[in-house]
């Protein structure tokens, strides 16, 4: 699958931000911060990770639709992309 460079860069930026959020959660736990604050941050990191996954699947779907023969040859037909999407939902 050929994902545009700008999409890959966006995905990497998102993942770096999520890494920072997870490190922050780890620090919050070490500091014994209020449980509600920690859960709020876990929820935000979870949503950010889900959105990153959806962006990746959307890019894959676009590529599959634009390149049906190549995607089928790579085993990434629309049915496989649908399965990836359903794993995220």
PDB file of N, CA and C in Angstrom:
ATOM      1  N   UNK A   1       0.844  -1.168   0.000  1.00  0.00           N
ATOM      2  CA  UNK A   1       0.000   0.000   0.000  1.00  0.00           C
ATOM      3  C   UNK A   1       0.894   1.237   0.000  1.00  0.00           C
ATOM      4  N   UNK A   2       0.564   2.149  -0.850  1.00  0.00           N
ATOM      5  CA  UNK A   2       1.348   3.378  -0.984  1.00  0.00           C
ATOM      6  C   UNK A   2       0.561   4.529  -0.362  1.00  0.00           C
ATOM      7  N   UNK A   3       0.977   4.923   0.842  1.00  0.00           N
ATOM      8  CA  UNK A   3       0.308   6.013   1.553  1.00  0.00           C
ATOM      9  C   UNK A   3       1.083   7.295   1.263  1.00  0.00           C
ATOM     10  N   UNK A   4       0.383   8.371   0.918  1.00  0.00           N
ATOM     11  CA  UNK A   4       1.068   9.640   0.625  1.00  0.00           C
ATOM     12  C   UNK A   4       1.973  10.083   1.783  1.00  0.00           C
ATOM     13  N   UNK A   5       3.101  10.687   1.420  1.00  0.00           N
ATOM     14  CA  UNK A   5       4.083  11.111   2.426  1.00  0.00           C
ATOM     15  C   UNK A   5       3.493  12.072   3.453  1.00  0.00           C
ATOM     16  N   UNK A   6       2.612  12.972   3.012  1.00  0.00           N
ATOM     17  CA  UNK A   6       2.032  13.914   3.970  1.00  0.00           C
ATOM     18  C   UNK A   6       1.123  13.201   4.970  1.00  0.00           C
ATOM     19  N   UNK A   7       0.461  12.134   4.531  1.00  0.00           N
ATOM     20  CA  UNK A   7      -0.372  11.354   5.442  1.00  0.00           C
ATOM     21  C   UNK A   7       0.497  10.599   6.438  1.00  0.00           C
ATOM     22  N   UNK A   8       1.597  10.017   5.957  1.00  0.00           N
ATOM     23  CA  UNK A   8       2.528   9.319   6.856  1.00  0.00           C
ATOM     24  C   UNK A   8       3.081  10.299   7.885  1.00  0.00           C
ATOM     25  N   UNK A   9       3.451  11.484   7.443  1.00  0.00           N
ATOM     26  CA  UNK A   9       3.980  12.495   8.368  1.00  0.00           C
ATOM     27  C   UNK A   9       2.930  12.871   9.413  1.00  0.00           C
ATOM     28  N   UNK A  10       1.684  13.009   8.987  1.00  0.00           N
ATOM     29  CA  UNK A  10       0.600  13.328   9.917  1.00  0.00           C
ATOM     30  C   UNK A  10       0.417  12.191  10.924  1.00  0.00           C
ATOM     31  N   UNK A  11       0.430  10.958  10.449  1.00  0.00           N
ATOM     32  CA  UNK A  11       0.291   9.808  11.344  1.00  0.00           C
ATOM     33  C   UNK A  11       1.429   9.775  12.361  1.00  0.00           C
ATOM     34  N   UNK A  12       2.639  10.043  11.907  1.00  0.00           N
ATOM     35  CA  UNK A  12       3.785  10.041  12.819  1.00  0.00           C
ATOM     36  C   UNK A  12       3.683  11.154  13.851  1.00  0.00           C
ATOM     37  N   UNK A  13       3.223  12.334  13.428  1.00  0.00           N
ATOM     38  CA  UNK A  13       3.025  13.441  14.385  1.00  0.00           C
ATOM     39  C   UNK A  13       1.997  13.058  15.435  1.00  0.00           C
ATOM     40  N   UNK A  14       0.913  12.465  14.984  1.00  0.00           N
ATOM     41  CA  UNK A  14      -0.131  12.045  15.920  1.00  0.00           C
ATOM     42  C   UNK A  14       0.402  11.027  16.919  1.00  0.00           C
ATOM     43  N   UNK A  15       1.172  10.065  16.431  1.00  0.00           N
ATOM     44  CA  UNK A  15       1.711   9.035  17.313  1.00  0.00           C
ATOM     45  C   UNK A  15       2.710   9.606  18.312  1.00  0.00           C
ATOM     46  N   UNK A  16       3.512  10.564  17.897  1.00  0.00           N
ATOM     47  CA  UNK A  16       4.427  11.221  18.838  1.00  0.00           C
ATOM     48  C   UNK A  16       3.643  11.955  19.932  1.00  0.00           C
ATOM     49  N   UNK A  17       2.560  12.603  19.533  1.00  0.00           N
ATOM     50  CA  UNK A  17       1.727  13.306  20.508  1.00  0.00           C
ATOM     51  C   UNK A  17       1.114  12.312  21.494  1.00  0.00           C
ATOM     52  N   UNK A  18       0.661  11.169  20.980  1.00  0.00           N
ATOM     53  CA  UNK A  18       0.077  10.137  21.842  1.00  0.00           C
ATOM     54  C   UNK A  18       1.133   9.576  22.793  1.00  0.00           C
ATOM     55  N   UNK A  19       2.355   9.395  22.286  1.00  0.00           N
ATOM     56  CA  UNK A  19       3.444   8.942  23.167  1.00  0.00           C
ATOM     57  C   UNK A  19       3.624   9.906  24.330  1.00  0.00           C
ATOM     58  N   UNK A  20       3.577  11.188  24.027  1.00  0.00           N
ATOM     59  CA  UNK A  20       3.693  12.201  25.074  1.00  0.00           C
ATOM     60  C   UNK A  20       2.551  12.117  26.069  1.00  0.00           C
ATOM     61  N   UNK A  21       1.351  11.880  25.561  1.00  0.00           N
ATOM     62  CA  UNK A  21       0.195  11.747  26.451  1.00  0.00           C
ATOM     63  C   UNK A  21       0.370  10.547  27.381  1.00  0.00           C
ATOM     64  N   UNK A  22       0.840   9.436  26.843  1.00  0.00           N
ATOM     65  CA  UNK A  22       1.011   8.229  27.654  1.00  0.00           C
ATOM     66  C   UNK A  22       2.108   8.446  28.698  1.00  0.00           C
ATOM     67  N   UNK A  23       3.195   9.106  28.315  1.00  0.00           N
ATOM     68  CA  UNK A  23       4.238   9.428  29.303  1.00  0.00           C
ATOM     69  C   UNK A  23       3.661  10.324  30.403  1.00  0.00           C
ATOM     70  N   UNK A  24       2.811  11.267  30.008  1.00  0.00           N
ATOM     71  CA  UNK A  24       2.171  12.137  30.991  1.00  0.00           C
ATOM     72  C   UNK A  24       1.278  11.360  31.950  1.00  0.00           C
ATOM     73  N   UNK A  25       0.573  10.379  31.431  1.00  0.00           N
ATOM     74  CA  UNK A  25      -0.284   9.535  32.276  1.00  0.00           C
ATOM     75  C   UNK A  25       0.578   8.764  33.270  1.00  0.00           C
ATOM     76  N   UNK A  26       1.688   8.240  32.789  1.00  0.00           N
ATOM     77  CA  UNK A  26       2.600   7.510  33.656  1.00  0.00           C
ATOM     78  C   UNK A  26       3.100   8.416  34.784  1.00  0.00           C
ATOM     79  N   UNK A  27       3.451   9.639  34.440  1.00  0.00           N
ATOM     80  CA  UNK A  27       3.906  10.606  35.443  1.00  0.00           C
ATOM     81  C   UNK A  27       2.792  10.919  36.429  1.00  0.00           C
ATOM     82  N   UNK A  28       1.589  11.111  35.918  1.00  0.00           N
ATOM     83  CA  UNK A  28       0.450  11.411  36.789  1.00  0.00           C
ATOM     84  C   UNK A  28       0.241  10.301  37.815  1.00  0.00           C
ATOM     85  N   UNK A  29       0.375   9.064  37.378  1.00  0.00           N
ATOM     86  CA  UNK A  29       0.211   7.944  38.302  1.00  0.00           C
ATOM     87  C   UNK A  29       1.299   7.963  39.368  1.00  0.00           C
ATOM     88  N   UNK A  30       2.528   8.234  38.945  1.00  0.00           N
ATOM     89  CA  UNK A  30       3.633   8.315  39.898  1.00  0.00           C
ATOM     90  C   UNK A  30       3.452   9.421  40.908  1.00  0.00           C
ATOM     91  N   UNK A  31       2.792  10.484  40.489  1.00  0.00           N
ATOM     92  CA  UNK A  31       2.530  11.616  41.382  1.00  0.00           C
ATOM     93  C   UNK A  31       1.248  11.430  42.182  1.00  0.00           C
ATOM     94  N   UNK A  32       0.589  10.301  41.976  1.00  0.00           N
ATOM     95  CA  UNK A  32      -0.679   9.983  42.654  1.00  0.00           C
ATOM     96  C   UNK A  32      -1.728  11.071  42.430  1.00  0.00           C
ATOM     97  N   UNK A  33      -1.826  11.480  41.185  1.00  0.00           N
ATOM     98  CA  UNK A  33      -2.829  12.491  40.824  1.00  0.00           C
ATOM     99  C   UNK A  33      -4.224  11.905  40.956  1.00  0.00           C
ATOM    100  N   UNK A  34      -5.199  12.782  41.002  1.00  0.00           N
ATOM    101  CA  UNK A  34      -6.595  12.383  41.145  1.00  0.00           C
ATOM    102  C   UNK A  34      -6.995  11.410  40.035  1.00  0.00           C
ATOM    103  N   UNK A  35      -7.678  10.372  40.401  1.00  0.00           N
ATOM    104  CA  UNK A  35      -8.105   9.325  39.471  1.00  0.00           C
ATOM    105  C   UNK A  35      -8.893   9.892  38.293  1.00  0.00           C
ATOM    106  N   UNK A  36      -9.737  10.873  38.560  1.00  0.00           N
ATOM    107  CA  UNK A  36     -10.546  11.467  37.481  1.00  0.00           C
ATOM    108  C   UNK A  36      -9.673  12.131  36.436  1.00  0.00           C
ATOM    109  N   UNK A  37      -8.605  12.796  36.879  1.00  0.00           N
ATOM    110  CA  UNK A  37      -7.695  13.437  35.936  1.00  0.00           C
ATOM    111  C   UNK A  37      -6.970  12.402  35.081  1.00  0.00           C
ATOM    112  N   UNK A  38      -6.547  11.310  35.719  1.00  0.00           N
ATOM    113  CA  UNK A  38      -5.846  10.249  34.987  1.00  0.00           C
ATOM    114  C   UNK A  38      -6.775   9.612  33.968  1.00  0.00           C
ATOM    115  N   UNK A  39      -7.990   9.315  34.372  1.00  0.00           N
ATOM    116  CA  UNK A  39      -8.958   8.702  33.452  1.00  0.00           C
ATOM    117  C   UNK A  39      -9.261   9.637  32.290  1.00  0.00           C
ATOM    118  N   UNK A  40      -9.348  10.924  32.543  1.00  0.00           N
ATOM    119  CA  UNK A  40      -9.581  11.898  31.474  1.00  0.00           C
ATOM    120  C   UNK A  40      -8.449  11.836  30.452  1.00  0.00           C
ATOM    121  N   UNK A  41      -7.223  11.751  30.928  1.00  0.00           N
ATOM    122  CA  UNK A  41      -6.076  11.690  30.016  1.00  0.00           C
ATOM    123  C   UNK A  41      -6.020  10.357  29.267  1.00  0.00           C
ATOM    124  N   UNK A  42      -6.378   9.266  29.939  1.00  0.00           N
ATOM    125  CA  UNK A  42      -6.431   7.968  29.261  1.00  0.00           C
ATOM    126  C   UNK A  42      -7.479   8.009  28.159  1.00  0.00           C
ATOM    127  N   UNK A  43      -8.609   8.603  28.449  1.00  0.00           N
ATOM    128  CA  UNK A  43      -9.672   8.720  27.450  1.00  0.00           C
ATOM    129  C   UNK A  43      -9.213   9.537  26.253  1.00  0.00           C
ATOM    130  N   UNK A  44      -8.520  10.638  26.510  1.00  0.00           N
ATOM    131  CA  UNK A  44      -8.033  11.485  25.413  1.00  0.00           C
ATOM    132  C   UNK A  44      -7.019  10.735  24.560  1.00  0.00           C
ATOM    133  N   UNK A  45      -6.117   9.988  25.191  1.00  0.00           N
ATOM    134  CA  UNK A  45      -5.116   9.222  24.441  1.00  0.00           C
ATOM    135  C   UNK A  45      -5.789   8.122  23.622  1.00  0.00           C
ATOM    136  N   UNK A  46      -6.793   7.498  24.193  1.00  0.00           N
ATOM    137  CA  UNK A  46      -7.533   6.449  23.473  1.00  0.00           C
ATOM    138  C   UNK A  46      -8.213   7.017  22.238  1.00  0.00           C
ATOM    139  N   UNK A  47      -8.872   8.137  22.382  1.00  0.00           N
ATOM    140  CA  UNK A  47      -9.535   8.777  21.240  1.00  0.00           C
ATOM    141  C   UNK A  47      -8.524   9.175  20.167  1.00  0.00           C
ATOM    142  N   UNK A  48      -7.397   9.705  20.595  1.00  0.00           N
ATOM    143  CA  UNK A  48      -6.365  10.105  19.637  1.00  0.00           C
ATOM    144  C   UNK A  48      -5.820   8.897  18.883  1.00  0.00           C
ATOM    145  N   UNK A  49      -5.643   7.790  19.562  1.00  0.00           N
ATOM    146  CA  UNK A  49      -5.150   6.582  18.915  1.00  0.00           C
ATOM    147  C   UNK A  49      -6.189   6.031  17.945  1.00  0.00           C
ATOM    148  N   UNK A  50      -7.454   6.071  18.329  1.00  0.00           N
ATOM    149  CA  UNK A  50      -8.518   5.623  17.427  1.00  0.00           C
ATOM    150  C   UNK A  50      -8.566   6.485  16.166  1.00  0.00           C
ATOM    151  N   UNK A  51      -8.466   7.792  16.331  1.00  0.00           N
ATOM    152  CA  UNK A  51      -8.495   8.688  15.176  1.00  0.00           C
ATOM    153  C   UNK A  51      -7.309   8.436  14.253  1.00  0.00           C
ATOM    154  N   UNK A  52      -6.166   8.134  14.831  1.00  0.00           N
ATOM    155  CA  UNK A  52      -4.983   7.817  14.029  1.00  0.00           C
ATOM    156  C   UNK A  52      -5.233   6.553  13.222  1.00  0.00           C
ATOM    157  N   UNK A  53      -5.823   5.561  13.850  1.00  0.00           N
ATOM    158  CA  UNK A  53      -6.152   4.326  13.141  1.00  0.00           C
ATOM    159  C   UNK A  53      -7.139   4.560  12.019  1.00  0.00           C
ATOM    160  N   UNK A  54      -8.156   5.372  12.274  1.00  0.00           N
ATOM    161  CA  UNK A  54      -9.145   5.673  11.236  1.00  0.00           C
ATOM    162  C   UNK A  54      -8.505   6.395  10.057  1.00  0.00           C
ATOM    163  N   UNK A  55      -7.580   7.302  10.348  1.00  0.00           N
ATOM    164  CA  UNK A  55      -6.886   8.000   9.269  1.00  0.00           C
ATOM    165  C   UNK A  55      -6.074   7.029   8.423  1.00  0.00           C
ATOM    166  N   UNK A  56      -5.415   6.098   9.073  1.00  0.00           N
ATOM    167  CA  UNK A  56      -4.632   5.099   8.341  1.00  0.00           C
ATOM    168  C   UNK A  56      -5.529   4.228   7.472  1.00  0.00           C
ATOM    169  N   UNK A  57      -6.636   3.771   8.016  1.00  0.00           N
ATOM    170  CA  UNK A  57      -7.560   2.943   7.236  1.00  0.00           C
ATOM    171  C   UNK A  57      -8.167   3.742   6.090  1.00  0.00           C
ATOM    172  N   UNK A  58      -8.491   5.008   6.318  1.00  0.00           N
ATOM    173  CA  UNK A  58      -9.039   5.846   5.246  1.00  0.00           C
ATOM    174  C   UNK A  58      -8.034   6.001   4.114  1.00  0.00           C
ATOM    175  N   UNK A  59      -6.767   6.181   4.469  1.00  0.00           N
ATOM    176  CA  UNK A  59      -5.730   6.281   3.435  1.00  0.00           C
ATOM    177  C   UNK A  59      -5.624   4.962   2.677  1.00  0.00           C
ATOM    178  N   UNK A  60      -5.717   3.854   3.388  1.00  0.00           N
ATOM    179  CA  UNK A  60      -5.675   2.549   2.743  1.00  0.00           C
ATOM    180  C   UNK A  60      -6.852   2.327   1.823  1.00  0.00           C
ATOM    181  N   UNK A  61      -8.021   2.744   2.264  1.00  0.00           N
ATOM    182  CA  UNK A  61      -9.217   2.603   1.435  1.00  0.00           C
ATOM    183  C   UNK A  61      -9.094   3.433   0.162  1.00  0.00           C
ATOM    184  N   UNK A  62      -8.611   4.651   0.309  1.00  0.00           N
ATOM    185  CA  UNK A  62      -8.415   5.505  -0.875  1.00  0.00           C
ATOM    186  C   UNK A  62      -7.459   4.851  -1.859  1.00  0.00           C
ATOM    187  N   UNK A  63      -6.372   4.287  -1.334  1.00  0.00           N
ATOM    188  CA  UNK A  63      -5.396   3.637  -2.201  1.00  0.00           C
ATOM    189  C   UNK A  63      -6.016   2.417  -2.880  1.00  0.00           C
ATOM    190  N   UNK A  64      -6.781   1.630  -2.135  1.00  0.00           N
ATOM    191  CA  UNK A  64      -7.412   0.436  -2.710  1.00  0.00           C
ATOM    192  C   UNK A  64      -8.392   0.797  -3.827  1.00  0.00           C
ATOM    193  N   UNK A  65      -9.145   1.860  -3.616  1.00  0.00           N
ATOM    194  CA  UNK A  65     -10.113   2.280  -4.633  1.00  0.00           C
ATOM    195  C   UNK A  65      -9.415   2.823  -5.876  1.00  0.00           C
ATOM    196  N   UNK A  66      -8.304   3.510  -5.685  1.00  0.00           N
ATOM    197  CA  UNK A  66      -7.572   4.086  -6.814  1.00  0.00           C
ATOM    198  C   UNK A  66      -6.724   3.040  -7.539  1.00  0.00           C
ATOM    199  N   UNK A  67      -6.365   1.955  -6.847  1.00  0.00           N
ATOM    200  CA  UNK A  67      -5.473   0.933  -7.407  1.00  0.00           C
ATOM    201  C   UNK A  67      -6.016  -0.468  -7.128  1.00  0.00           C
ATOM    202  N   UNK A  68      -7.178  -0.802  -7.684  1.00  0.00           N
ATOM    203  CA  UNK A  68      -7.812  -2.077  -7.326  1.00  0.00           C
ATOM    204  C   UNK A  68      -6.974  -3.302  -7.675  1.00  0.00           C
ATOM    205  N   UNK A  69      -6.272  -3.290  -8.795  1.00  0.00           N
ATOM    206  CA  UNK A  69      -5.470  -4.457  -9.170  1.00  0.00           C
ATOM    207  C   UNK A  69      -4.278  -4.625  -8.237  1.00  0.00           C
ATOM    208  N   UNK A  70      -3.592  -3.528  -7.947  1.00  0.00           N
ATOM    209  CA  UNK A  70      -2.434  -3.593  -7.054  1.00  0.00           C
ATOM    210  C   UNK A  70      -2.861  -3.977  -5.638  1.00  0.00           C
ATOM    211  N   UNK A  71      -3.971  -3.432  -5.182  1.00  0.00           N
ATOM    212  CA  UNK A  71      -4.417  -3.755  -3.827  1.00  0.00           C
ATOM    213  C   UNK A  71      -4.823  -5.226  -3.726  1.00  0.00           C
ATOM    214  N   UNK A  72      -5.474  -5.746  -4.748  1.00  0.00           N
ATOM    215  CA  UNK A  72      -5.843  -7.169  -4.749  1.00  0.00           C
ATOM    216  C   UNK A  72      -4.587  -8.042  -4.758  1.00  0.00           C
ATOM    217  N   UNK A  73      -3.593  -7.635  -5.519  1.00  0.00           N
ATOM    218  CA  UNK A  73      -2.339  -8.392  -5.585  1.00  0.00           C
ATOM    219  C   UNK A  73      -1.625  -8.414  -4.233  1.00  0.00           C
ATOM    220  N   UNK A  74      -1.800  -7.360  -3.438  1.00  0.00           N
ATOM    221  CA  UNK A  74      -1.188  -7.289  -2.113  1.00  0.00           C
ATOM    222  C   UNK A  74      -2.081  -7.902  -1.036  1.00  0.00           C
ATOM    223  N   UNK A  75      -3.226  -8.449  -1.441  1.00  0.00           N
ATOM    224  CA  UNK A  75      -4.142  -9.028  -0.467  1.00  0.00           C
ATOM    225  C   UNK A  75      -4.906  -8.001   0.327  1.00  0.00           C
ATOM    226  N   UNK A  76      -5.053  -6.810  -0.246  1.00  0.00           N
ATOM    227  CA  UNK A  76      -5.756  -5.718   0.429  1.00  0.00           C
ATOM    228  C   UNK A  76      -6.988  -5.299  -0.351  1.00  0.00           C
ATOM    229  N   UNK A  77      -7.825  -6.258  -0.635  1.00  0.00           N
ATOM    230  CA  UNK A  77      -9.080  -5.928  -1.292  1.00  0.00           C
ATOM    231  C   UNK A  77      -9.975  -5.142  -0.349  1.00  0.00           C
ATOM    232  N   UNK A  78     -11.074  -4.669  -0.866  1.00  0.00           N
ATOM    233  CA  UNK A  78     -11.988  -3.867  -0.045  1.00  0.00           C
ATOM    234  C   UNK A  78     -12.478  -4.629   1.177  1.00  0.00           C
ATOM    235  N   UNK A  79     -12.642  -5.942   1.045  1.00  0.00           N
ATOM    236  CA  UNK A  79     -13.091  -6.733   2.188  1.00  0.00           C
ATOM    237  C   UNK A  79     -12.070  -6.709   3.322  1.00  0.00           C
ATOM    238  N   UNK A  80     -10.779  -6.722   2.979  1.00  0.00           N
ATOM    239  CA  UNK A  80      -9.734  -6.675   3.996  1.00  0.00           C
ATOM    240  C   UNK A  80      -9.679  -5.299   4.658  1.00  0.00           C
ATOM    241  N   UNK A  81      -9.841  -4.248   3.883  1.00  0.00           N
ATOM    242  CA  UNK A  81      -9.863  -2.895   4.451  1.00  0.00           C
ATOM    243  C   UNK A  81     -11.084  -2.741   5.364  1.00  0.00           C
ATOM    244  N   UNK A  82     -12.199  -3.310   4.961  1.00  0.00           N
ATOM    245  CA  UNK A  82     -13.393  -3.278   5.808  1.00  0.00           C
ATOM    246  C   UNK A  82     -13.124  -3.966   7.140  1.00  0.00           C
ATOM    247  N   UNK A  83     -12.439  -5.090   7.127  1.00  0.00           N
ATOM    248  CA  UNK A  83     -12.101  -5.789   8.373  1.00  0.00           C
ATOM    249  C   UNK A  83     -11.226  -4.915   9.264  1.00  0.00           C
ATOM    250  N   UNK A  84     -10.271  -4.205   8.643  1.00  0.00           N
ATOM    251  CA  UNK A  84      -9.420  -3.306   9.434  1.00  0.00           C
ATOM    252  C   UNK A  84     -10.259  -2.213  10.082  1.00  0.00           C
ATOM    253  N   UNK A  85     -11.188  -1.651   9.317  1.00  0.00           N
ATOM    254  CA  UNK A  85     -12.042  -0.603   9.850  1.00  0.00           C
ATOM    255  C   UNK A  85     -12.866  -1.135  11.014  1.00  0.00           C
ATOM    256  N   UNK A  86     -13.430  -2.322  10.849  1.00  0.00           N
ATOM    257  CA  UNK A  86     -14.263  -2.893  11.911  1.00  0.00           C
ATOM    258  C   UNK A  86     -13.469  -3.208  13.161  1.00  0.00           C
ATOM    259  N   UNK A  87     -12.193  -3.497  13.029  1.00  0.00           N
ATOM    260  CA  UNK A  87     -11.362  -3.716  14.215  1.00  0.00           C
ATOM    261  C   UNK A  87     -11.251  -2.441  15.039  1.00  0.00           C
ATOM    262  N   UNK A  88     -11.316  -1.300  14.381  1.00  0.00           N
ATOM    263  CA  UNK A  88     -11.195  -0.024  15.076  1.00  0.00           C
ATOM    264  C   UNK A  88     -12.513   0.464  15.673  1.00  0.00           C
ATOM    265  N   UNK A  89     -13.602  -0.014  15.122  1.00  0.00           N
ATOM    266  CA  UNK A  89     -14.899   0.514  15.575  1.00  0.00           C
ATOM    267  C   UNK A  89     -15.457  -0.246  16.745  1.00  0.00           C
TER     268      UNK A  89
END
